[in-house]
Amino acid sequence: MDPTTSEWLNLALRWIHIVAGAFWIGQTNFFGWLERSFLPTKEPKDNVVGHAWMVHSGGFFYVEKRKFTPGVVPEPLHWFKWEAGLTWLTGFFLLGIVYYHTGLHARDGAAVGSAGATLAGLGFLLGGWFGYDRLFRNLLGKNELAGAAIGFVLILVTTYALTLLMSDRGAYIHIGAMFGTIMAANVWFRILPAQQRMLDATRAGRPADYSFGEEAKQRSKHNTYLTIPLVFLMVSNHFPTTSYGTKSNGLMLGVFVLVGWMVRWYMNDKEDRATARRLGGEAAKAHESAAVGPIIGLAALALLGILITTGGGGNGPHGGHHAGGGNGAQPGAGVQPTPIDPAQAGTVAGTVSFAGTAPARKKMGVGGVPECARYFQDEPDFDNDVLVENGRLANVFIAVVEGLDPRFVFAPPGEPLRIQNRLCRYEPRVSGAMVGQEVLFVNEDETMHNVRVLAHRHGALEELLNKSLVAKGSKTPAWRFDEESEPLRLECNVHGWMAGALWVLPHPYFAVSAADGTWKFATRLPTGTYVLEAWHERLGKKTRKEVRVGPGEAVTVDFSFP
């Protein structure tokens, strides 16, 4: 899709979605408040359940809640339904444009690809509604406290399952979409049909069965409890530090869901108490809400305590923990250094070639992300993971892996390694740092990025850094690795295609091939025999053994990837 078209379509859908949602959420909460504010009339009236006085916009309003007289249906009768339908429909199309079309929901390295993540997301939307509907319609009935407890556990389980299949950002937005689907389905499949049954009975001259109304009222109440967490999930994409970018994002989501429920309970309880005061005596008992607020509050505090004690935020810098490979000692390790005589060292350089036809470059899919699409209006938004030019391969990391005298001690550079978020990519995409060297991530774009550093540990990915860079020029605190690590994975939770790699070594004998495939160690290598390794993120590793370096020699080491 053309970036300009995509941007305008994105804007139009977001605008309609937010406006329709504001109307829907406002109406839902207003009628929830109204239900709890009705007082019985001082002089009983036929079919009048209660009344409420209100003041707004310079006027005074009197509202009655009534039951129908069989055979009499007032006209015109206004239905509140189109706001819910329009909100869900625009939200679903936004999900398709922003996530499914761009692949932003796909998790790199997951068992399923972008198409599989899409099918999983759609399956969870439908499964969430059917599971919720069965839970309250067939299993628990009106036991809302038990239903809320089971539902909360299912929310945590669903969040965890989604993070295995798609990106954290995609998982969060799909939980929000699932909430929205449940709310819209409540309106169209439970509330409206219940109201229609009562109307049909009234038109036929029969007394309406108001048990249908009680079910509709229960579903409307559920919708009010879902609105506050849903609004959080809608805005969470802009705040990865407090939501999907955390180490324990499922628990963090649980905290915000409970906080939303607590706010909604307080709103109910406050109005119940006000109504009870007006009624007084035995009549007040009908308006007393269950004491579930303290339970919700304690649960939220418990989850927050777990996050704090386990370091679930994951936003602070940490050092690498990968064991060293014997390629040199770091300063302060207790090893007596052996000075390197430049006359007894040589230069090592070479080229990296690509044999055969280069693979087609894949598109990043930035069309649905306007803040990044503007950078690619004059060129295709191709990824730069495999860059081949005139048979030469870029972004290959070359390093000495064996042969260094363990007595050598190498001081890290005084200048930090600077890795940029630029044009919605990591630059450089592949880089290396020394143990003890400062590493600095800087945002050079006029949009928010999120720096996430992951290390392979025991068959799983361990998060070492998770930091949001909100504005242009913002940067992470300078941090250092205390041990070598290979290779660390760089991601951005805001823009799923952004990827990079960072190696940390205890010596300076590493380089990255340039666009023309050339590379060179910046430091002269002492006389000896070495093993060199070349690594590419998609094409794997190549090894060169028996690389001999003599005094003053200029050694050429070439690599070739098929």
Protein backbone atom coordinates (compact mmCIF):
# COMPACT_ATOMS: atom_id res chain seq x y z
CA MET A 1 0.00 0.00 0.00
CA ASP A 2 1.21 3.49 -0.83
CA PRO A 3 2.58 5.16 2.36
CA THR A 4 0.49 8.32 1.85
CA THR A 5 -2.71 6.32 1.33
CA SER A 6 -1.90 4.16 4.31
CA GLU A 7 -1.27 7.20 6.52
CA TRP A 8 -4.55 8.88 5.61
CA LEU A 9 -6.50 5.65 6.02
CA ASN A 10 -4.82 5.08 9.37
CA LEU A 11 -5.71 8.60 10.50
CA ALA A 12 -9.34 8.35 9.35
CA LEU A 13 -9.90 5.00 11.05
CA ARG A 14 -8.25 6.12 14.29
CA TRP A 15 -10.32 9.29 14.35
CA ILE A 16 -13.62 7.47 13.81
CA HIS A 17 -12.60 4.71 16.21
CA ILE A 18 -11.79 7.11 19.05
CA VAL A 19 -14.91 9.26 18.54
CA ALA A 20 -17.25 6.26 18.28
CA GLY A 21 -15.55 4.65 21.29
CA ALA A 22 -15.96 7.83 23.34
CA PHE A 23 -19.70 7.86 22.58
CA TRP A 24 -20.06 4.15 23.36
CA ILE A 25 -18.05 4.17 26.59
CA GLY A 26 -19.78 7.35 27.74
CA GLN A 27 -23.25 5.91 27.12
CA THR A 28 -22.38 2.60 28.78
CA ASN A 29 -21.11 4.25 31.95
CA PHE A 30 -23.89 6.83 32.00
CA PHE A 31 -26.62 4.19 31.96
CA GLY A 32 -24.67 2.17 34.53
CA TRP A 33 -24.70 5.22 36.78
CA LEU A 34 -28.38 5.86 36.03
CA GLU A 35 -29.36 2.31 37.03
CA ARG A 36 -27.80 2.86 40.46
CA SER A 37 -29.30 6.32 40.93
CA PHE A 38 -33.01 5.59 40.49
CA LEU A 39 -35.17 6.29 43.53
CA PRO A 40 -38.76 5.11 43.97
CA THR A 41 -41.35 7.79 43.33
CA LYS A 42 -43.05 9.25 46.43
CA GLU A 43 -46.41 8.64 44.83
CA PRO A 44 -46.45 5.16 43.21
CA LYS A 45 -47.18 5.16 39.48
CA ASP A 46 -48.19 2.23 37.32
CA ASN A 47 -45.17 0.50 35.74
CA VAL A 48 -42.71 3.12 37.09
CA VAL A 49 -39.68 1.43 38.69
CA GLY A 50 -37.82 4.57 39.73
CA HIS A 51 -36.87 8.11 38.81
CA ALA A 52 -33.84 10.43 38.87
CA TRP A 53 -33.34 14.19 38.66
CA MET A 54 -30.27 15.54 36.83
CA VAL A 55 -28.80 18.90 35.92
CA HIS A 56 -26.63 19.47 32.87
CA SER A 57 -25.85 22.17 30.28
CA GLY A 58 -28.06 24.74 31.97
CA GLY A 59 -31.13 22.52 32.19
CA PHE A 60 -32.91 20.20 34.63
CA PHE A 61 -33.93 16.71 33.51
CA TYR A 62 -36.33 14.16 34.98
CA VAL A 63 -35.89 10.53 33.93
CA GLU A 64 -38.14 7.59 34.77
CA LYS A 65 -37.42 3.88 34.46
CA ARG A 66 -40.60 2.06 33.44
CA LYS A 67 -41.98 -1.32 32.56
CA PHE A 68 -44.09 -1.68 29.43
CA THR A 69 -47.83 -2.15 29.45
CA PRO A 70 -48.66 -5.19 27.28
CA GLY A 71 -49.71 -4.06 23.84
CA VAL A 72 -48.34 -0.52 24.26
CA VAL A 73 -44.91 0.37 22.79
CA PRO A 74 -43.95 4.06 22.84
CA GLU A 75 -42.69 5.62 19.64
CA PRO A 76 -40.09 6.69 18.73
CA LEU A 77 -37.88 4.34 20.75
CA HIS A 78 -34.18 5.12 20.55
CA TRP A 79 -31.69 2.23 20.42
CA PHE A 80 -28.09 2.64 21.55
CA LYS A 81 -26.25 0.19 19.35
CA TRP A 82 -24.50 1.76 16.36
CA GLU A 83 -21.73 3.27 18.48
CA ALA A 84 -20.67 -0.20 19.63
CA GLY A 85 -20.75 -1.61 16.10
CA LEU A 86 -18.79 1.27 14.59
CA THR A 87 -16.17 1.19 17.35
CA TRP A 88 -15.52 -2.52 16.88
CA LEU A 89 -15.55 -2.36 13.09
CA THR A 90 -13.04 0.51 12.85
CA GLY A 91 -10.89 -1.16 15.51
CA PHE A 92 -10.82 -4.40 13.55
CA PHE A 93 -9.75 -2.62 10.36
CA LEU A 94 -7.06 -0.75 12.32
CA LEU A 95 -5.79 -4.09 13.61
CA GLY A 96 -5.52 -5.29 10.02
CA ILE A 97 -3.77 -2.19 8.68
CA VAL A 98 -1.36 -1.50 11.55
CA TYR A 99 -0.52 -5.09 12.50
CA TYR A 100 -1.60 -7.77 10.03
CA HIS A 101 -0.60 -5.78 6.94
CA THR A 102 2.80 -4.75 8.30
CA GLY A 103 3.64 -7.88 10.27
CA LEU A 104 4.22 -5.75 13.37
CA HIS A 105 2.53 -8.43 15.48
CA ALA A 106 4.91 -11.20 14.42
CA ARG A 107 7.61 -12.35 16.85
CA ASP A 108 10.99 -13.05 15.32
CA GLY A 109 11.99 -16.61 16.10
CA ALA A 110 8.50 -17.73 17.14
CA ALA A 111 7.16 -21.12 16.07
CA VAL A 112 4.66 -19.37 13.79
CA GLY A 113 5.34 -16.66 11.24
CA SER A 114 3.34 -13.54 10.46
CA ALA A 115 0.46 -15.49 8.90
CA GLY A 116 0.38 -17.89 11.84
CA ALA A 117 0.38 -15.00 14.31
CA THR A 118 -2.53 -13.45 12.42
CA LEU A 119 -4.56 -16.67 12.58
CA ALA A 120 -3.69 -17.04 16.26
CA GLY A 121 -4.79 -13.46 16.95
CA LEU A 122 -8.13 -13.95 15.18
CA GLY A 123 -8.61 -17.25 16.99
CA PHE A 124 -8.05 -15.60 20.36
CA LEU A 125 -10.59 -12.87 19.54
CA LEU A 126 -13.30 -15.45 18.83
CA GLY A 127 -12.17 -17.81 21.59
CA GLY A 128 -12.16 -14.99 24.13
CA TRP A 129 -15.81 -14.17 23.41
CA PHE A 130 -17.04 -17.77 23.42
CA GLY A 131 -15.08 -18.59 26.59
CA TYR A 132 -16.39 -15.52 28.41
CA ASP A 133 -19.97 -16.11 27.22
CA ARG A 134 -19.96 -19.74 28.34
CA LEU A 135 -18.39 -18.81 31.67
CA PHE A 136 -21.21 -16.45 32.64
CA ARG A 137 -24.15 -17.93 30.76
CA ASN A 138 -23.80 -21.63 31.50
CA LEU A 139 -21.27 -22.22 34.27
CA LEU A 140 -21.39 -19.49 36.88
CA GLY A 141 -24.59 -17.62 36.17
CA LYS A 142 -24.75 -14.65 38.52
CA ASN A 143 -21.73 -15.59 40.67
CA GLU A 144 -19.82 -12.60 39.35
CA LEU A 145 -17.02 -12.68 41.95
CA ALA A 146 -16.05 -16.24 41.02
CA GLY A 147 -16.43 -15.38 37.35
CA ALA A 148 -14.17 -12.34 37.73
CA ALA A 149 -11.50 -14.42 39.52
CA ILE A 150 -11.53 -17.13 36.84
CA GLY A 151 -11.66 -14.52 34.09
CA PHE A 152 -8.65 -12.70 35.53
CA VAL A 153 -6.58 -15.89 35.58
CA LEU A 154 -7.62 -16.56 31.98
CA ILE A 155 -6.50 -13.04 31.01
CA LEU A 156 -3.01 -13.72 32.42
CA VAL A 157 -2.82 -17.12 30.72
CA THR A 158 -3.99 -15.66 27.40
CA THR A 159 -1.43 -12.87 27.60
CA TYR A 160 1.37 -15.36 28.22
CA ALA A 161 0.20 -17.57 25.33
CA LEU A 162 0.03 -14.61 22.95
CA THR A 163 3.56 -13.45 23.84
CA LEU A 164 4.83 -16.87 22.70
CA LEU A 165 3.18 -16.47 19.30
CA MET A 166 3.57 -12.77 18.55
CA SER A 167 5.44 -9.64 19.60
CA ASP A 168 4.80 -8.20 23.05
CA ARG A 169 3.22 -5.14 21.47
CA GLY A 170 1.01 -7.34 19.31
CA ALA A 171 0.01 -9.44 22.33
CA TYR A 172 -1.05 -6.36 24.29
CA ILE A 173 -3.11 -4.91 21.48
CA HIS A 174 -4.80 -8.28 20.89
CA ILE A 175 -5.83 -8.48 24.54
CA GLY A 176 -7.41 -5.04 24.06
CA ALA A 177 -9.07 -6.23 20.84
CA MET A 178 -10.38 -9.28 22.71
CA PHE A 179 -11.90 -7.01 25.39
CA GLY A 180 -13.47 -4.86 22.66
CA THR A 181 -14.84 -7.95 20.89
CA ILE A 182 -16.42 -9.21 24.13
CA MET A 183 -18.01 -5.81 24.74
CA ALA A 184 -19.36 -5.47 21.20
CA ALA A 185 -20.63 -9.06 21.17
CA ASN A 186 -22.36 -8.43 24.51
CA VAL A 187 -24.23 -5.54 22.90
CA TRP A 188 -25.19 -7.27 19.63
CA PHE A 189 -25.67 -10.89 20.76
CA ARG A 190 -26.95 -10.57 24.33
CA ILE A 191 -28.19 -7.07 25.22
CA LEU A 192 -30.02 -6.12 22.02
CA PRO A 193 -31.70 -9.55 21.51
CA ALA A 194 -32.88 -9.52 25.15
CA GLN A 195 -34.43 -6.09 24.65
CA GLN A 196 -35.99 -7.25 21.37
CA ARG A 197 -37.64 -10.26 23.06
CA MET A 198 -39.25 -8.00 25.65
CA LEU A 199 -40.47 -5.65 22.91
CA ASP A 200 -41.88 -8.54 20.86
CA ALA A 201 -43.83 -9.78 23.86
CA THR A 202 -45.19 -6.30 24.54
CA ARG A 203 -46.29 -5.81 20.92
CA ALA A 204 -48.02 -9.21 21.05
CA GLY A 205 -49.96 -8.09 24.13
CA ARG A 206 -48.11 -10.41 26.51
CA PRO A 207 -46.28 -9.36 29.70
CA ALA A 208 -42.58 -9.01 29.01
CA ASP A 209 -40.20 -11.48 30.65
CA TYR A 210 -37.87 -9.13 32.52
CA SER A 211 -35.38 -11.90 33.26
CA PHE A 212 -34.04 -11.10 29.79
CA GLY A 213 -33.54 -7.55 30.98
CA GLU A 214 -31.59 -8.78 34.01
CA GLU A 215 -29.20 -10.70 31.74
CA ALA A 216 -28.78 -7.64 29.52
CA LYS A 217 -28.15 -5.50 32.60
CA GLN A 218 -25.46 -7.94 33.80
CA ARG A 219 -23.67 -7.83 30.42
CA SER A 220 -23.83 -4.05 30.36
CA LYS A 221 -22.30 -3.99 33.83
CA HIS A 222 -19.49 -6.27 32.61
CA ASN A 223 -18.85 -3.85 29.76
CA THR A 224 -18.34 -1.01 32.22
CA TYR A 225 -15.71 -3.09 34.04
CA LEU A 226 -13.88 -3.75 30.77
CA THR A 227 -13.81 -0.13 29.56
CA ILE A 228 -11.07 1.21 31.87
CA PRO A 229 -8.56 -1.62 31.20
CA LEU A 230 -9.44 -1.37 27.51
CA VAL A 231 -8.56 2.33 27.39
CA PHE A 232 -5.23 1.51 29.05
CA LEU A 233 -4.53 -1.15 26.42
CA MET A 234 -5.37 1.33 23.65
CA VAL A 235 -2.75 3.82 24.87
CA SER A 236 -0.20 1.22 26.07
CA ASN A 237 1.45 1.11 22.64
CA HIS A 238 2.92 4.52 23.37
CA PHE A 239 4.36 3.53 26.76
CA PRO A 240 6.39 0.31 26.52
CA THR A 241 8.22 1.12 29.77
CA THR A 242 5.05 0.55 31.78
CA SER A 243 3.35 -2.04 29.63
CA TYR A 244 4.41 -4.49 26.93
CA GLY A 245 8.10 -3.57 27.14
CA THR A 246 8.48 -4.91 30.68
CA LYS A 247 10.13 -8.19 31.54
CA SER A 248 6.95 -9.50 33.19
CA ASN A 249 4.44 -7.89 30.87
CA GLY A 250 1.68 -10.38 31.72
CA LEU A 251 1.80 -9.46 35.40
CA MET A 252 2.02 -5.76 34.57
CA LEU A 253 -1.12 -6.09 32.47
CA GLY A 254 -2.75 -7.87 35.40
CA VAL A 255 -1.96 -4.92 37.68
CA PHE A 256 -3.59 -2.44 35.30
CA VAL A 257 -6.64 -4.66 34.80
CA LEU A 258 -7.12 -4.87 38.56
CA VAL A 259 -6.60 -1.13 38.94
CA GLY A 260 -9.27 -0.55 36.29
CA TRP A 261 -11.66 -2.88 38.06
CA MET A 262 -10.91 -1.18 41.37
CA VAL A 263 -11.76 2.23 39.90
CA ARG A 264 -15.00 0.88 38.45
CA TRP A 265 -15.94 -0.79 41.75
CA TYR A 266 -15.31 2.47 43.61
CA MET A 267 -17.56 4.34 41.19
CA ASN A 268 -20.33 1.76 41.79
CA ASP A 269 -19.82 1.66 45.55
CA LYS A 270 -19.81 5.44 45.84
CA GLU A 271 -23.12 5.75 44.02
CA ASP A 272 -24.62 2.81 45.94
CA ARG A 273 -23.82 4.49 49.24
CA ALA A 274 -25.29 7.79 48.05
CA THR A 275 -28.49 6.06 46.95
CA ALA A 276 -28.64 4.06 50.17
CA ARG A 277 -28.42 7.27 52.22
CA ARG A 278 -31.33 8.73 50.28
CA LEU A 279 -33.44 5.61 50.73
CA GLY A 280 -32.56 4.78 54.34
CA GLY A 281 -33.78 1.82 56.36
CA GLU A 282 -34.42 -1.60 54.88
CA ALA A 283 -34.80 -0.26 51.36
CA ALA A 284 -31.11 0.60 51.33
CA LYS A 285 -30.08 -3.06 51.39
CA ALA A 286 -31.07 -3.47 47.76
CA HIS A 287 -28.47 -0.92 46.80
CA GLU A 288 -25.54 -2.17 48.85
CA SER A 289 -22.69 -3.41 46.66
CA ALA A 290 -20.59 -6.46 47.52
CA ALA A 291 -17.39 -5.79 49.43
CA VAL A 292 -15.14 -6.84 46.53
CA GLY A 293 -13.09 -3.65 46.46
CA PRO A 294 -10.61 -4.68 49.17
CA ILE A 295 -10.14 -8.06 47.46
CA ILE A 296 -9.32 -6.38 44.13
CA GLY A 297 -7.02 -3.89 45.83
CA LEU A 298 -5.09 -6.58 47.69
CA ALA A 299 -4.70 -8.61 44.51
CA ALA A 300 -3.33 -5.57 42.67
CA LEU A 301 -0.88 -4.86 45.49
CA ALA A 302 0.23 -8.51 45.53
CA LEU A 303 0.95 -8.48 41.79
CA LEU A 304 2.78 -5.17 42.08
CA GLY A 305 4.88 -6.61 44.90
CA ILE A 306 5.81 -9.59 42.73
CA LEU A 307 6.89 -7.23 39.93
CA ILE A 308 9.04 -5.16 42.28
CA THR A 309 10.72 -8.09 44.03
CA THR A 310 11.45 -9.94 40.78
CA GLY A 311 12.66 -6.89 38.89
CA GLY A 312 9.84 -7.34 36.43
CA GLY A 313 10.26 -3.88 34.95
CA GLY A 314 13.39 -4.95 33.13
CA ASN A 315 14.33 -1.36 32.24
CA GLY A 316 17.70 -1.09 33.93
CA PRO A 317 21.03 -1.89 32.25
CA HIS A 318 22.75 -5.11 33.15
CA GLY A 319 26.09 -6.64 32.26
CA GLY A 320 26.54 -9.73 30.10
CA HIS A 321 26.96 -13.06 31.83
CA HIS A 322 28.31 -15.31 29.11
CA ALA A 323 31.45 -17.21 30.13
CA GLY A 324 34.64 -16.15 28.40
CA GLY A 325 36.29 -18.19 25.68
CA GLY A 326 39.91 -17.77 26.68
CA ASN A 327 40.69 -15.06 24.14
CA GLY A 328 42.33 -12.69 26.58
CA ALA A 329 41.97 -11.38 30.10
CA GLN A 330 40.30 -8.19 31.15
CA PRO A 331 42.05 -5.61 33.33
CA GLY A 332 41.85 -6.34 37.04
CA ALA A 333 41.46 -10.09 36.53
CA GLY A 334 44.68 -10.86 38.42
CA VAL A 335 46.61 -11.88 35.28
CA GLN A 336 50.08 -10.41 34.75
CA PRO A 337 50.03 -8.60 31.39
CA THR A 338 52.56 -9.18 28.64
CA PRO A 339 53.16 -5.97 26.66
CA ILE A 340 52.58 -6.26 22.92
CA ASP A 341 55.53 -5.15 20.80
CA PRO A 342 54.15 -3.47 17.65
CA ALA A 343 57.23 -4.68 15.77
CA GLN A 344 56.22 -8.25 16.63
CA ALA A 345 52.67 -7.85 15.32
CA GLY A 346 50.98 -7.68 11.94
CA THR A 347 47.86 -6.33 10.28
CA VAL A 348 44.91 -8.55 9.42
CA ALA A 349 42.25 -7.61 6.87
CA GLY A 350 40.19 -9.16 4.12
CA THR A 351 36.91 -9.27 2.27
CA VAL A 352 33.67 -11.17 2.59
CA SER A 353 32.09 -12.35 -0.65
CA PHE A 354 28.73 -13.88 -1.48
CA ALA A 355 28.69 -16.78 -3.92
CA GLY A 356 25.62 -17.24 -6.08
CA THR A 357 22.43 -15.24 -6.41
CA ALA A 358 21.68 -12.96 -3.50
CA PRO A 359 18.36 -13.69 -1.75
CA ALA A 360 15.54 -11.27 -2.40
CA ARG A 361 15.45 -8.59 0.27
CA LYS A 362 12.33 -8.74 2.40
CA LYS A 363 10.17 -5.69 3.01
CA MET A 364 9.94 -4.37 6.53
CA GLY A 365 6.29 -3.39 6.16
CA VAL A 366 6.34 0.16 7.48
CA GLY A 367 3.35 1.27 5.40
CA GLY A 368 0.98 1.22 8.38
CA VAL A 369 3.39 3.13 10.62
CA PRO A 370 3.34 6.77 9.44
CA GLU A 371 6.21 7.95 11.64
CA CYS A 372 8.52 5.53 9.81
CA ALA A 373 6.87 5.37 6.37
CA ARG A 374 7.93 8.97 5.66
CA TYR A 375 11.57 7.85 5.57
CA PHE A 376 10.85 5.47 2.69
CA GLN A 377 8.72 7.56 0.34
CA ASP A 378 11.50 7.68 -2.26
CA GLU A 379 12.82 4.12 -1.82
CA PRO A 380 11.43 0.67 -1.00
CA ASP A 381 11.35 -0.20 2.69
CA PHE A 382 13.69 -3.18 2.32
CA ASP A 383 15.31 -4.73 5.37
CA ASN A 384 19.10 -4.61 5.52
CA ASP A 385 19.75 -8.01 7.06
CA VAL A 386 21.36 -9.41 3.87
CA LEU A 387 23.19 -6.69 1.95
CA VAL A 388 25.02 -7.90 -1.16
CA GLU A 389 26.70 -5.46 -3.53
CA ASN A 390 28.79 -6.64 -6.50
CA GLY A 391 29.18 -10.04 -4.88
CA ARG A 392 30.38 -8.62 -1.55
CA LEU A 393 28.54 -9.13 1.74
CA ALA A 394 28.10 -6.47 4.44
CA ASN A 395 27.33 -6.73 8.15
CA VAL A 396 29.48 -9.80 8.78
CA PHE A 397 31.19 -9.90 12.18
CA ILE A 398 34.77 -11.22 12.08
CA ALA A 399 36.76 -11.97 15.23
CA VAL A 400 39.65 -13.96 16.65
CA VAL A 401 38.20 -16.90 18.58
CA GLU A 402 41.34 -18.89 19.42
CA GLY A 403 45.09 -18.34 19.68
CA LEU A 404 45.53 -15.23 21.83
CA ASP A 405 48.04 -15.53 24.66
CA PRO A 406 45.97 -15.55 27.87
CA ARG A 407 48.55 -13.25 29.49
CA PHE A 408 47.55 -10.38 27.23
CA VAL A 409 45.40 -7.71 28.88
CA PHE A 410 43.51 -5.25 26.71
CA ALA A 411 42.17 -1.97 28.05
CA PRO A 412 38.74 -0.99 26.67
CA PRO A 413 38.49 2.14 24.50
CA GLY A 414 37.83 5.41 26.29
CA GLU A 415 35.12 6.35 23.77
CA PRO A 416 31.71 4.65 24.12
CA LEU A 417 30.27 2.50 21.36
CA ARG A 418 27.38 4.53 19.95
CA ILE A 419 24.43 2.63 18.45
CA GLN A 420 21.73 4.77 16.86
CA ASN A 421 18.01 4.42 16.23
CA ARG A 422 18.04 6.11 12.84
CA LEU A 423 15.47 5.99 10.04
CA CYS A 424 13.61 3.37 12.08
CA ARG A 425 16.59 1.00 11.99
CA TYR A 426 19.57 0.16 14.17
CA GLU A 427 22.77 1.77 12.87
CA PRO A 428 25.11 0.05 12.79
CA ARG A 429 23.06 -3.10 12.48
CA VAL A 430 25.98 -5.27 13.61
CA SER A 431 28.66 -4.00 15.99
CA GLY A 432 31.17 -5.08 18.59
CA ALA A 433 32.30 -3.73 21.96
CA MET A 434 35.01 -4.68 24.41
CA VAL A 435 34.41 -5.88 27.95
CA GLY A 436 34.33 -2.76 30.12
CA GLN A 437 33.63 -0.40 27.21
CA GLU A 438 30.68 1.95 27.53
CA VAL A 439 27.74 1.27 25.20
CA LEU A 440 25.32 4.08 24.40
CA PHE A 441 22.01 3.86 22.50
CA VAL A 442 20.79 7.14 20.99
CA ASN A 443 17.50 7.97 19.28
CA GLU A 444 18.10 10.08 16.15
CA ASP A 445 14.50 9.91 14.91
CA GLU A 446 11.61 12.23 15.67
CA THR A 447 9.56 9.35 17.03
CA MET A 448 9.72 7.06 20.04
CA HIS A 449 11.85 3.91 19.93
CA ASN A 450 12.40 1.17 22.45
CA VAL A 451 15.83 -0.42 22.95
CA ARG A 452 15.63 -4.05 24.00
CA VAL A 453 18.77 -6.17 24.40
CA LEU A 454 18.42 -9.95 24.66
CA ALA A 455 20.98 -12.69 25.32
CA HIS A 456 20.72 -16.43 24.68
CA ARG A 457 20.89 -18.21 28.02
CA HIS A 458 20.32 -21.95 28.41
CA GLY A 459 18.14 -22.24 25.33
CA ALA A 460 16.06 -19.15 26.10
CA LEU A 461 16.28 -15.41 25.64
CA GLU A 462 17.16 -13.34 28.72
CA GLU A 463 16.42 -9.62 28.73
CA LEU A 464 19.42 -7.46 29.65
CA LEU A 465 18.10 -4.01 28.79
CA ASN A 466 14.68 -2.54 28.05
CA LYS A 467 14.58 1.24 27.72
CA SER A 468 12.25 3.59 25.89
CA LEU A 469 13.78 6.55 24.05
CA VAL A 470 10.84 8.90 23.74
CA ALA A 471 12.18 11.90 21.82
CA LYS A 472 14.91 12.72 19.33
CA GLY A 473 18.25 12.99 21.10
CA SER A 474 17.22 10.86 24.06
CA LYS A 475 19.70 8.17 25.03
CA THR A 476 20.19 5.29 27.41
CA PRO A 477 22.52 5.68 30.39
CA ALA A 478 26.04 4.55 29.48
CA TRP A 479 26.51 0.96 30.57
CA ARG A 480 29.17 -1.74 30.38
CA PHE A 481 29.39 -5.52 30.08
CA ASP A 482 31.48 -7.28 32.68
CA GLU A 483 31.90 -10.45 30.61
CA GLU A 484 31.98 -11.36 26.95
CA SER A 485 28.78 -12.30 25.16
CA GLU A 486 27.95 -13.48 21.67
CA PRO A 487 25.83 -12.24 19.93
CA LEU A 488 23.34 -10.07 21.78
CA ARG A 489 20.08 -9.40 19.98
CA LEU A 490 18.73 -5.86 19.56
CA GLU A 491 15.01 -5.25 19.15
CA CYS A 492 12.48 -2.43 19.31
CA ASN A 493 9.13 -3.17 20.93
CA VAL A 494 7.56 -0.22 19.12
CA HIS A 495 8.69 -1.17 15.60
CA GLY A 496 8.89 -4.93 15.29
CA TRP A 497 11.11 -5.04 12.19
CA MET A 498 14.01 -3.20 13.87
CA ALA A 499 16.78 -5.68 14.63
CA GLY A 500 20.49 -5.69 15.27
CA ALA A 501 23.33 -7.62 16.89
CA LEU A 502 26.01 -6.68 19.40
CA TRP A 503 29.08 -8.78 20.26
CA VAL A 504 31.10 -8.21 23.41
CA LEU A 505 34.70 -9.52 23.47
CA PRO A 506 37.61 -9.19 25.91
CA HIS A 507 40.01 -8.12 23.14
CA PRO A 508 40.01 -5.62 20.25
CA TYR A 509 40.48 -8.14 17.42
CA PHE A 510 37.12 -7.89 15.73
CA ALA A 511 35.63 -6.02 12.77
CA VAL A 512 32.42 -5.74 10.72
CA SER A 513 32.45 -5.95 6.93
CA ALA A 514 31.50 -2.71 5.19
CA ALA A 515 29.10 -2.27 2.26
CA ASP A 516 31.87 -3.35 -0.16
CA GLY A 517 32.66 -6.44 1.93
CA THR A 518 36.00 -5.20 3.24
CA TRP A 519 37.08 -5.43 6.87
CA LYS A 520 40.19 -4.82 8.96
CA PHE A 521 41.23 -5.21 12.58
CA ALA A 522 41.92 -1.73 13.97
CA THR A 523 44.64 -3.11 16.26
CA ARG A 524 47.75 -5.00 15.12
CA LEU A 525 47.63 -8.71 16.00
CA PRO A 526 50.66 -10.24 17.82
CA THR A 527 52.74 -12.90 16.12
CA GLY A 528 51.06 -16.28 16.37
CA THR A 529 48.63 -18.75 14.85
CA TYR A 530 44.93 -18.03 15.19
CA VAL A 531 41.40 -19.19 14.42
CA LEU A 532 39.14 -16.54 12.93
CA GLU A 533 35.40 -16.76 12.68
CA ALA A 534 32.97 -14.83 10.47
CA TRP A 535 29.32 -14.62 11.57
CA HIS A 536 26.23 -13.44 9.71
CA GLU A 537 22.84 -13.20 11.38
CA ARG A 538 21.03 -15.13 8.65
CA LEU A 539 23.78 -17.04 6.86
CA GLY A 540 25.54 -18.56 9.85
CA LYS A 541 29.27 -18.94 10.58
CA LYS A 542 32.46 -19.55 8.59
CA THR A 543 35.76 -20.47 10.23
CA ARG A 544 39.38 -20.01 9.09
CA LYS A 545 41.97 -22.06 10.96
CA GLU A 546 45.75 -21.83 10.95
CA VAL A 547 45.86 -18.09 10.29
CA ARG A 548 49.57 -17.27 10.81
CA VAL A 549 50.69 -13.75 11.59
CA GLY A 550 54.38 -12.87 11.51
CA PRO A 551 56.25 -9.71 12.58
CA GLY A 552 55.27 -6.81 10.36
CA GLU A 553 53.21 -9.00 8.02
CA ALA A 554 50.04 -7.85 6.28
CA VAL A 555 47.80 -10.92 6.36
CA THR A 556 44.73 -11.22 4.16
CA VAL A 557 41.88 -13.47 5.26
CA ASP A 558 38.88 -13.76 2.96
CA PHE A 559 35.54 -15.41 3.68
CA SER A 560 32.82 -16.57 1.32
CA PHE A 561 29.16 -17.31 2.10
CA PRO A 562 27.04 -19.37 -0.27
